[in-house]
Amino acid sequence: MSVERELGEMSSRLRTLEREMAEHKATLKEIHEMALQAKGGWKTLMMVAGFAGIVGALGAKIFMLLGFMPR
């Protein structure tokens, strides 16, 4: 096999690898963005759940004080 042919094959393989790496990089960036969105969603969900717990506890306490619920 000649040196020129080997260089041509290696050059072709290198271009293929560079293209595949660019595709993987784009995919990884999309996954990272989705993870950041999910992270913010979980924080919001936990804040809403905490607020709902506080409202429920205060409501139960008020009902007990007013005599609507058994003590």
PDB file of N, CA and C in Angstrom:
ATOM      1  N   MET A   1       0.839  -1.169   0.000  1.00  0.00           N
ATOM      2  CA  MET A   1       0.000   0.000   0.000  1.00  0.00           C
ATOM      3  C   MET A   1       0.892   1.243   0.000  1.00  0.00           C
ATOM      4  N   SER A   2       0.534   2.212  -0.810  1.00  0.00           N
ATOM      5  CA  SER A   2       1.376   3.394  -0.927  1.00  0.00           C
ATOM      6  C   SER A   2       1.081   4.357   0.229  1.00  0.00           C
ATOM      7  N   VAL A   3       2.047   5.209   0.461  1.00  0.00           N
ATOM      8  CA  VAL A   3       1.933   6.189   1.542  1.00  0.00           C
ATOM      9  C   VAL A   3       0.789   7.165   1.253  1.00  0.00           C
ATOM     10  N   GLU A   4       0.655   7.569  -0.009  1.00  0.00           N
ATOM     11  CA  GLU A   4      -0.406   8.505  -0.367  1.00  0.00           C
ATOM     12  C   GLU A   4      -1.782   7.914  -0.102  1.00  0.00           C
ATOM     13  N   ARG A   5      -1.936   6.630  -0.431  1.00  0.00           N
ATOM     14  CA  ARG A   5      -3.226   5.963  -0.219  1.00  0.00           C
ATOM     15  C   ARG A   5      -3.528   5.868   1.280  1.00  0.00           C
ATOM     16  N   GLU A   6      -2.534   5.508   2.074  1.00  0.00           N
ATOM     17  CA  GLU A   6      -2.722   5.415   3.521  1.00  0.00           C
ATOM     18  C   GLU A   6      -3.095   6.777   4.106  1.00  0.00           C
ATOM     19  N   LEU A   7      -2.404   7.820   3.644  1.00  0.00           N
ATOM     20  CA  LEU A   7      -2.721   9.165   4.117  1.00  0.00           C
ATOM     21  C   LEU A   7      -4.149   9.560   3.733  1.00  0.00           C
ATOM     22  N   GLY A   8      -4.568   9.184   2.550  1.00  0.00           N
ATOM     23  CA  GLY A   8      -5.925   9.479   2.104  1.00  0.00           C
ATOM     24  C   GLY A   8      -6.963   8.772   2.966  1.00  0.00           C
ATOM     25  N   GLU A   9      -6.712   7.495   3.281  1.00  0.00           N
ATOM     26  CA  GLU A   9      -7.637   6.744   4.127  1.00  0.00           C
ATOM     27  C   GLU A   9      -7.683   7.338   5.536  1.00  0.00           C
ATOM     28  N   MET A  10      -6.531   7.679   6.059  1.00  0.00           N
ATOM     29  CA  MET A  10      -6.487   8.260   7.406  1.00  0.00           C
ATOM     30  C   MET A  10      -7.169   9.630   7.435  1.00  0.00           C
ATOM     31  N   SER A  11      -6.993  10.384   6.387  1.00  0.00           N
ATOM     32  CA  SER A  11      -7.638  11.690   6.300  1.00  0.00           C
ATOM     33  C   SER A  11      -9.158  11.526   6.264  1.00  0.00           C
ATOM     34  N   SER A  12      -9.621  10.538   5.515  1.00  0.00           N
ATOM     35  CA  SER A  12     -11.051  10.264   5.439  1.00  0.00           C
ATOM     36  C   SER A  12     -11.592   9.827   6.802  1.00  0.00           C
ATOM     37  N   ARG A  13     -10.870   8.959   7.475  1.00  0.00           N
ATOM     38  CA  ARG A  13     -11.286   8.506   8.806  1.00  0.00           C
ATOM     39  C   ARG A  13     -11.314   9.670   9.799  1.00  0.00           C
ATOM     40  N   LEU A  14     -10.336  10.553   9.706  1.00  0.00           N
ATOM     41  CA  LEU A  14     -10.270  11.707  10.597  1.00  0.00           C
ATOM     42  C   LEU A  14     -11.469  12.630  10.370  1.00  0.00           C
ATOM     43  N   ARG A  15     -11.829  12.871   9.108  1.00  0.00           N
ATOM     44  CA  ARG A  15     -13.004  13.698   8.820  1.00  0.00           C
ATOM     45  C   ARG A  15     -14.270  13.061   9.376  1.00  0.00           C
ATOM     46  N   THR A  16     -14.384  11.747   9.257  1.00  0.00           N
ATOM     47  CA  THR A  16     -15.540  11.031   9.803  1.00  0.00           C
ATOM     48  C   THR A  16     -15.590  11.174  11.317  1.00  0.00           C
ATOM     49  N   LEU A  17     -14.464  11.005  11.969  1.00  0.00           N
ATOM     50  CA  LEU A  17     -14.415  11.146  13.425  1.00  0.00           C
ATOM     51  C   LEU A  17     -14.758  12.562  13.867  1.00  0.00           C
ATOM     52  N   GLU A  18     -14.265  13.559  13.147  1.00  0.00           N
ATOM     53  CA  GLU A  18     -14.563  14.950  13.487  1.00  0.00           C
ATOM     54  C   GLU A  18     -16.055  15.235  13.345  1.00  0.00           C
ATOM     55  N   ARG A  19     -16.675  14.703  12.284  1.00  0.00           N
ATOM     56  CA  ARG A  19     -18.109  14.906  12.079  1.00  0.00           C
ATOM     57  C   ARG A  19     -18.910  14.221  13.194  1.00  0.00           C
ATOM     58  N   GLU A  20     -18.527  12.989  13.544  1.00  0.00           N
ATOM     59  CA  GLU A  20     -19.222  12.274  14.604  1.00  0.00           C
ATOM     60  C   GLU A  20     -19.053  12.973  15.949  1.00  0.00           C
ATOM     61  N   MET A  21     -17.872  13.502  16.214  1.00  0.00           N
ATOM     62  CA  MET A  21     -17.642  14.227  17.473  1.00  0.00           C
ATOM     63  C   MET A  21     -18.506  15.484  17.537  1.00  0.00           C
ATOM     64  N   ALA A  22     -18.664  16.171  16.430  1.00  0.00           N
ATOM     65  CA  ALA A  22     -19.517  17.361  16.394  1.00  0.00           C
ATOM     66  C   ALA A  22     -20.969  16.981  16.679  1.00  0.00           C
ATOM     67  N   GLU A  23     -21.416  15.847  16.130  1.00  0.00           N
ATOM     68  CA  GLU A  23     -22.776  15.375  16.387  1.00  0.00           C
ATOM     69  C   GLU A  23     -22.953  15.022  17.867  1.00  0.00           C
ATOM     70  N   HIS A  24     -21.970  14.332  18.436  1.00  0.00           N
ATOM     71  CA  HIS A  24     -22.040  13.963  19.854  1.00  0.00           C
ATOM     72  C   HIS A  24     -22.030  15.207  20.744  1.00  0.00           C
ATOM     73  N   LYS A  25     -21.255  16.185  20.361  1.00  0.00           N
ATOM     74  CA  LYS A  25     -21.196  17.423  21.143  1.00  0.00           C
ATOM     75  C   LYS A  25     -22.551  18.126  21.136  1.00  0.00           C
ATOM     76  N   ALA A  26     -23.208  18.165  19.989  1.00  0.00           N
ATOM     77  CA  ALA A  26     -24.534  18.784  19.889  1.00  0.00           C
ATOM     78  C   ALA A  26     -25.548  18.014  20.735  1.00  0.00           C
ATOM     79  N   THR A  27     -25.482  16.698  20.688  1.00  0.00           N
ATOM     80  CA  THR A  27     -26.396  15.879  21.477  1.00  0.00           C
ATOM     81  C   THR A  27     -26.162  16.091  22.959  1.00  0.00           C
ATOM     82  N   LEU A  28     -24.918  16.151  23.363  1.00  0.00           N
ATOM     83  CA  LEU A  28     -24.584  16.368  24.767  1.00  0.00           C
ATOM     84  C   LEU A  28     -25.074  17.736  25.244  1.00  0.00           C
ATOM     85  N   LYS A  29     -24.977  18.731  24.389  1.00  0.00           N
ATOM     86  CA  LYS A  29     -25.466  20.070  24.738  1.00  0.00           C
ATOM     87  C   LYS A  29     -26.982  20.041  24.946  1.00  0.00           C
ATOM     88  N   GLU A  30     -27.715  19.305  24.098  1.00  0.00           N
ATOM     89  CA  GLU A  30     -29.165  19.184  24.250  1.00  0.00           C
ATOM     90  C   GLU A  30     -29.514  18.493  25.566  1.00  0.00           C
ATOM     91  N   ILE A  31     -28.790  17.442  25.906  1.00  0.00           N
ATOM     92  CA  ILE A  31     -29.033  16.717  27.159  1.00  0.00           C
ATOM     93  C   ILE A  31     -28.767  17.633  28.345  1.00  0.00           C
ATOM     94  N   HIS A  32     -27.721  18.414  28.269  1.00  0.00           N
ATOM     95  CA  HIS A  32     -27.387  19.349  29.352  1.00  0.00           C
ATOM     96  C   HIS A  32     -28.500  20.377  29.539  1.00  0.00           C
ATOM     97  N   GLU A  33     -29.018  20.914  28.448  1.00  0.00           N
ATOM     98  CA  GLU A  33     -30.100  21.893  28.527  1.00  0.00           C
ATOM     99  C   GLU A  33     -31.357  21.272  29.132  1.00  0.00           C
ATOM    100  N   MET A  34     -31.666  20.028  28.764  1.00  0.00           N
ATOM    101  CA  MET A  34     -32.826  19.351  29.331  1.00  0.00           C
ATOM    102  C   MET A  34     -32.640  19.115  30.825  1.00  0.00           C
ATOM    103  N   ALA A  35     -31.435  18.777  31.240  1.00  0.00           N
ATOM    104  CA  ALA A  35     -31.171  18.561  32.665  1.00  0.00           C
ATOM    105  C   ALA A  35     -31.336  19.855  33.449  1.00  0.00           C
ATOM    106  N   LEU A  36     -30.914  20.967  32.884  1.00  0.00           N
ATOM    107  CA  LEU A  36     -31.084  22.253  33.556  1.00  0.00           C
ATOM    108  C   LEU A  36     -32.561  22.616  33.681  1.00  0.00           C
ATOM    109  N   GLN A  37     -33.346  22.336  32.666  1.00  0.00           N
ATOM    110  CA  GLN A  37     -34.777  22.610  32.731  1.00  0.00           C
ATOM    111  C   GLN A  37     -35.438  21.734  33.782  1.00  0.00           C
ATOM    112  N   ALA A  38     -35.058  20.471  33.845  1.00  0.00           N
ATOM    113  CA  ALA A  38     -35.635  19.563  34.834  1.00  0.00           C
ATOM    114  C   ALA A  38     -35.249  19.993  36.241  1.00  0.00           C
ATOM    115  N   LYS A  39     -34.039  20.484  36.400  1.00  0.00           N
ATOM    116  CA  LYS A  39     -33.583  20.935  37.709  1.00  0.00           C
ATOM    117  C   LYS A  39     -34.458  22.079  38.207  1.00  0.00           C
ATOM    118  N   GLY A  40     -34.760  23.029  37.372  1.00  0.00           N
ATOM    119  CA  GLY A  40     -35.624  24.142  37.740  1.00  0.00           C
ATOM    120  C   GLY A  40     -37.049  23.681  37.997  1.00  0.00           C
ATOM    121  N   GLY A  41     -37.514  22.696  37.243  1.00  0.00           N
ATOM    122  CA  GLY A  41     -38.852  22.162  37.433  1.00  0.00           C
ATOM    123  C   GLY A  41     -39.006  21.495  38.790  1.00  0.00           C
ATOM    124  N   TRP A  42     -37.979  20.754  39.222  1.00  0.00           N
ATOM    125  CA  TRP A  42     -38.037  20.089  40.530  1.00  0.00           C
ATOM    126  C   TRP A  42     -38.070  21.114  41.661  1.00  0.00           C
ATOM    127  N   LYS A  43     -37.320  22.168  41.517  1.00  0.00           N
ATOM    128  CA  LYS A  43     -37.322  23.208  42.551  1.00  0.00           C
ATOM    129  C   LYS A  43     -38.709  23.840  42.665  1.00  0.00           C
ATOM    130  N   THR A  44     -39.316  24.130  41.540  1.00  0.00           N
ATOM    131  CA  THR A  44     -40.648  24.713  41.547  1.00  0.00           C
ATOM    132  C   THR A  44     -41.657  23.749  42.160  1.00  0.00           C
ATOM    133  N   LEU A  45     -41.567  22.487  41.794  1.00  0.00           N
ATOM    134  CA  LEU A  45     -42.476  21.485  42.340  1.00  0.00           C
ATOM    135  C   LEU A  45     -42.336  21.378  43.858  1.00  0.00           C
ATOM    136  N   MET A  46     -41.121  21.398  44.364  1.00  0.00           N
ATOM    137  CA  MET A  46     -40.907  21.305  45.810  1.00  0.00           C
ATOM    138  C   MET A  46     -41.425  22.554  46.534  1.00  0.00           C
ATOM    139  N   MET A  47     -41.289  23.713  45.917  1.00  0.00           N
ATOM    140  CA  MET A  47     -41.823  24.942  46.527  1.00  0.00           C
ATOM    141  C   MET A  47     -43.345  24.887  46.600  1.00  0.00           C
ATOM    142  N   VAL A  48     -43.985  24.427  45.542  1.00  0.00           N
ATOM    143  CA  VAL A  48     -45.446  24.321  45.535  1.00  0.00           C
ATOM    144  C   VAL A  48     -45.900  23.299  46.568  1.00  0.00           C
ATOM    145  N   ALA A  49     -45.215  22.170  46.663  1.00  0.00           N
ATOM    146  CA  ALA A  49     -45.578  21.143  47.637  1.00  0.00           C
ATOM    147  C   ALA A  49     -45.399  21.663  49.057  1.00  0.00           C
ATOM    148  N   GLY A  50     -44.344  22.393  49.317  1.00  0.00           N
ATOM    149  CA  GLY A  50     -44.123  22.973  50.648  1.00  0.00           C
ATOM    150  C   GLY A  50     -45.199  23.973  51.008  1.00  0.00           C
ATOM    151  N   PHE A  51     -45.549  24.808  50.066  1.00  0.00           N
ATOM    152  CA  PHE A  51     -46.604  25.792  50.295  1.00  0.00           C
ATOM    153  C   PHE A  51     -47.936  25.095  50.556  1.00  0.00           C
ATOM    154  N   ALA A  52     -48.233  24.049  49.801  1.00  0.00           N
ATOM    155  CA  ALA A  52     -49.482  23.308  50.000  1.00  0.00           C
ATOM    156  C   ALA A  52     -49.506  22.655  51.377  1.00  0.00           C
ATOM    157  N   GLY A  53     -48.366  22.149  51.837  1.00  0.00           N
ATOM    158  CA  GLY A  53     -48.294  21.569  53.175  1.00  0.00           C
ATOM    159  C   GLY A  53     -48.557  22.597  54.261  1.00  0.00           C
ATOM    160  N   ILE A  54     -47.993  23.774  54.096  1.00  0.00           N
ATOM    161  CA  ILE A  54     -48.209  24.847  55.080  1.00  0.00           C
ATOM    162  C   ILE A  54     -49.685  25.246  55.115  1.00  0.00           C
ATOM    163  N   VAL A  55     -50.278  25.426  53.942  1.00  0.00           N
ATOM    164  CA  VAL A  55     -51.694  25.813  53.874  1.00  0.00           C
ATOM    165  C   VAL A  55     -52.566  24.723  54.503  1.00  0.00           C
ATOM    166  N   GLY A  56     -52.276  23.463  54.223  1.00  0.00           N
ATOM    167  CA  GLY A  56     -53.050  22.366  54.801  1.00  0.00           C
ATOM    168  C   GLY A  56     -52.928  22.306  56.314  1.00  0.00           C
ATOM    169  N   ALA A  57     -51.714  22.485  56.825  1.00  0.00           N
ATOM    170  CA  ALA A  57     -51.509  22.449  58.277  1.00  0.00           C
ATOM    171  C   ALA A  57     -52.206  23.613  58.963  1.00  0.00           C
ATOM    172  N   LEU A  58     -52.112  24.798  58.390  1.00  0.00           N
ATOM    173  CA  LEU A  58     -52.798  25.960  58.972  1.00  0.00           C
ATOM    174  C   LEU A  58     -54.314  25.795  58.924  1.00  0.00           C
ATOM    175  N   GLY A  59     -54.811  25.254  57.822  1.00  0.00           N
ATOM    176  CA  GLY A  59     -56.248  25.020  57.706  1.00  0.00           C
ATOM    177  C   GLY A  59     -56.740  24.034  58.747  1.00  0.00           C
ATOM    178  N   ALA A  60     -56.008  22.955  58.951  1.00  0.00           N
ATOM    179  CA  ALA A  60     -56.396  21.966  59.959  1.00  0.00           C
ATOM    180  C   ALA A  60     -56.367  22.580  61.355  1.00  0.00           C
ATOM    181  N   LYS A  61     -55.361  23.386  61.639  1.00  0.00           N
ATOM    182  CA  LYS A  61     -55.255  24.030  62.953  1.00  0.00           C
ATOM    183  C   LYS A  61     -56.428  24.986  63.190  1.00  0.00           C
ATOM    184  N   ILE A  62     -56.774  25.757  62.191  1.00  0.00           N
ATOM    185  CA  ILE A  62     -57.893  26.691  62.312  1.00  0.00           C
ATOM    186  C   ILE A  62     -59.204  25.934  62.519  1.00  0.00           C
ATOM    187  N   PHE A  63     -59.417  24.856  61.759  1.00  0.00           N
ATOM    188  CA  PHE A  63     -60.629  24.067  61.924  1.00  0.00           C
ATOM    189  C   PHE A  63     -60.715  23.455  63.320  1.00  0.00           C
ATOM    190  N   MET A  64     -59.578  23.014  63.865  1.00  0.00           N
ATOM    191  CA  MET A  64     -59.584  22.450  65.225  1.00  0.00           C
ATOM    192  C   MET A  64     -59.905  23.538  66.253  1.00  0.00           C
ATOM    193  N   LEU A  65     -59.348  24.742  66.051  1.00  0.00           N
ATOM    194  CA  LEU A  65     -59.623  25.822  66.988  1.00  0.00           C
ATOM    195  C   LEU A  65     -61.071  26.264  66.932  1.00  0.00           C
ATOM    196  N   LEU A  66     -61.690  26.230  65.780  1.00  0.00           N
ATOM    197  CA  LEU A  66     -63.085  26.650  65.632  1.00  0.00           C
ATOM    198  C   LEU A  66     -64.058  25.532  65.987  1.00  0.00           C
ATOM    199  N   GLY A  67     -63.578  24.323  66.194  1.00  0.00           N
ATOM    200  CA  GLY A  67     -64.422  23.208  66.601  1.00  0.00           C
ATOM    201  C   GLY A  67     -65.050  22.417  65.482  1.00  0.00           C
ATOM    202  N   PHE A  68     -64.595  22.603  64.252  1.00  0.00           N
ATOM    203  CA  PHE A  68     -65.147  21.847  63.130  1.00  0.00           C
ATOM    204  C   PHE A  68     -64.576  20.430  63.050  1.00  0.00           C
ATOM    205  N   MET A  69     -63.398  20.228  63.638  1.00  0.00           N
ATOM    206  CA  MET A  69     -62.753  18.912  63.601  1.00  0.00           C
ATOM    207  C   MET A  69     -62.571  18.426  65.034  1.00  0.00           C
ATOM    208  N   PRO A  70     -62.627  17.118  65.240  1.00  0.00           N
ATOM    209  CA  PRO A  70     -62.374  16.608  66.586  1.00  0.00           C
ATOM    210  C   PRO A  70     -60.922  16.829  66.987  1.00  0.00           C
ATOM    211  N   ARG A  71     -60.690  17.031  68.292  1.00  0.00           N
ATOM    212  CA  ARG A  71     -59.327  17.284  68.760  1.00  0.00           C
ATOM    213  C   ARG A  71     -58.573  16.027  68.996  1.00  0.00           C
TER     214      ARG A  71
END
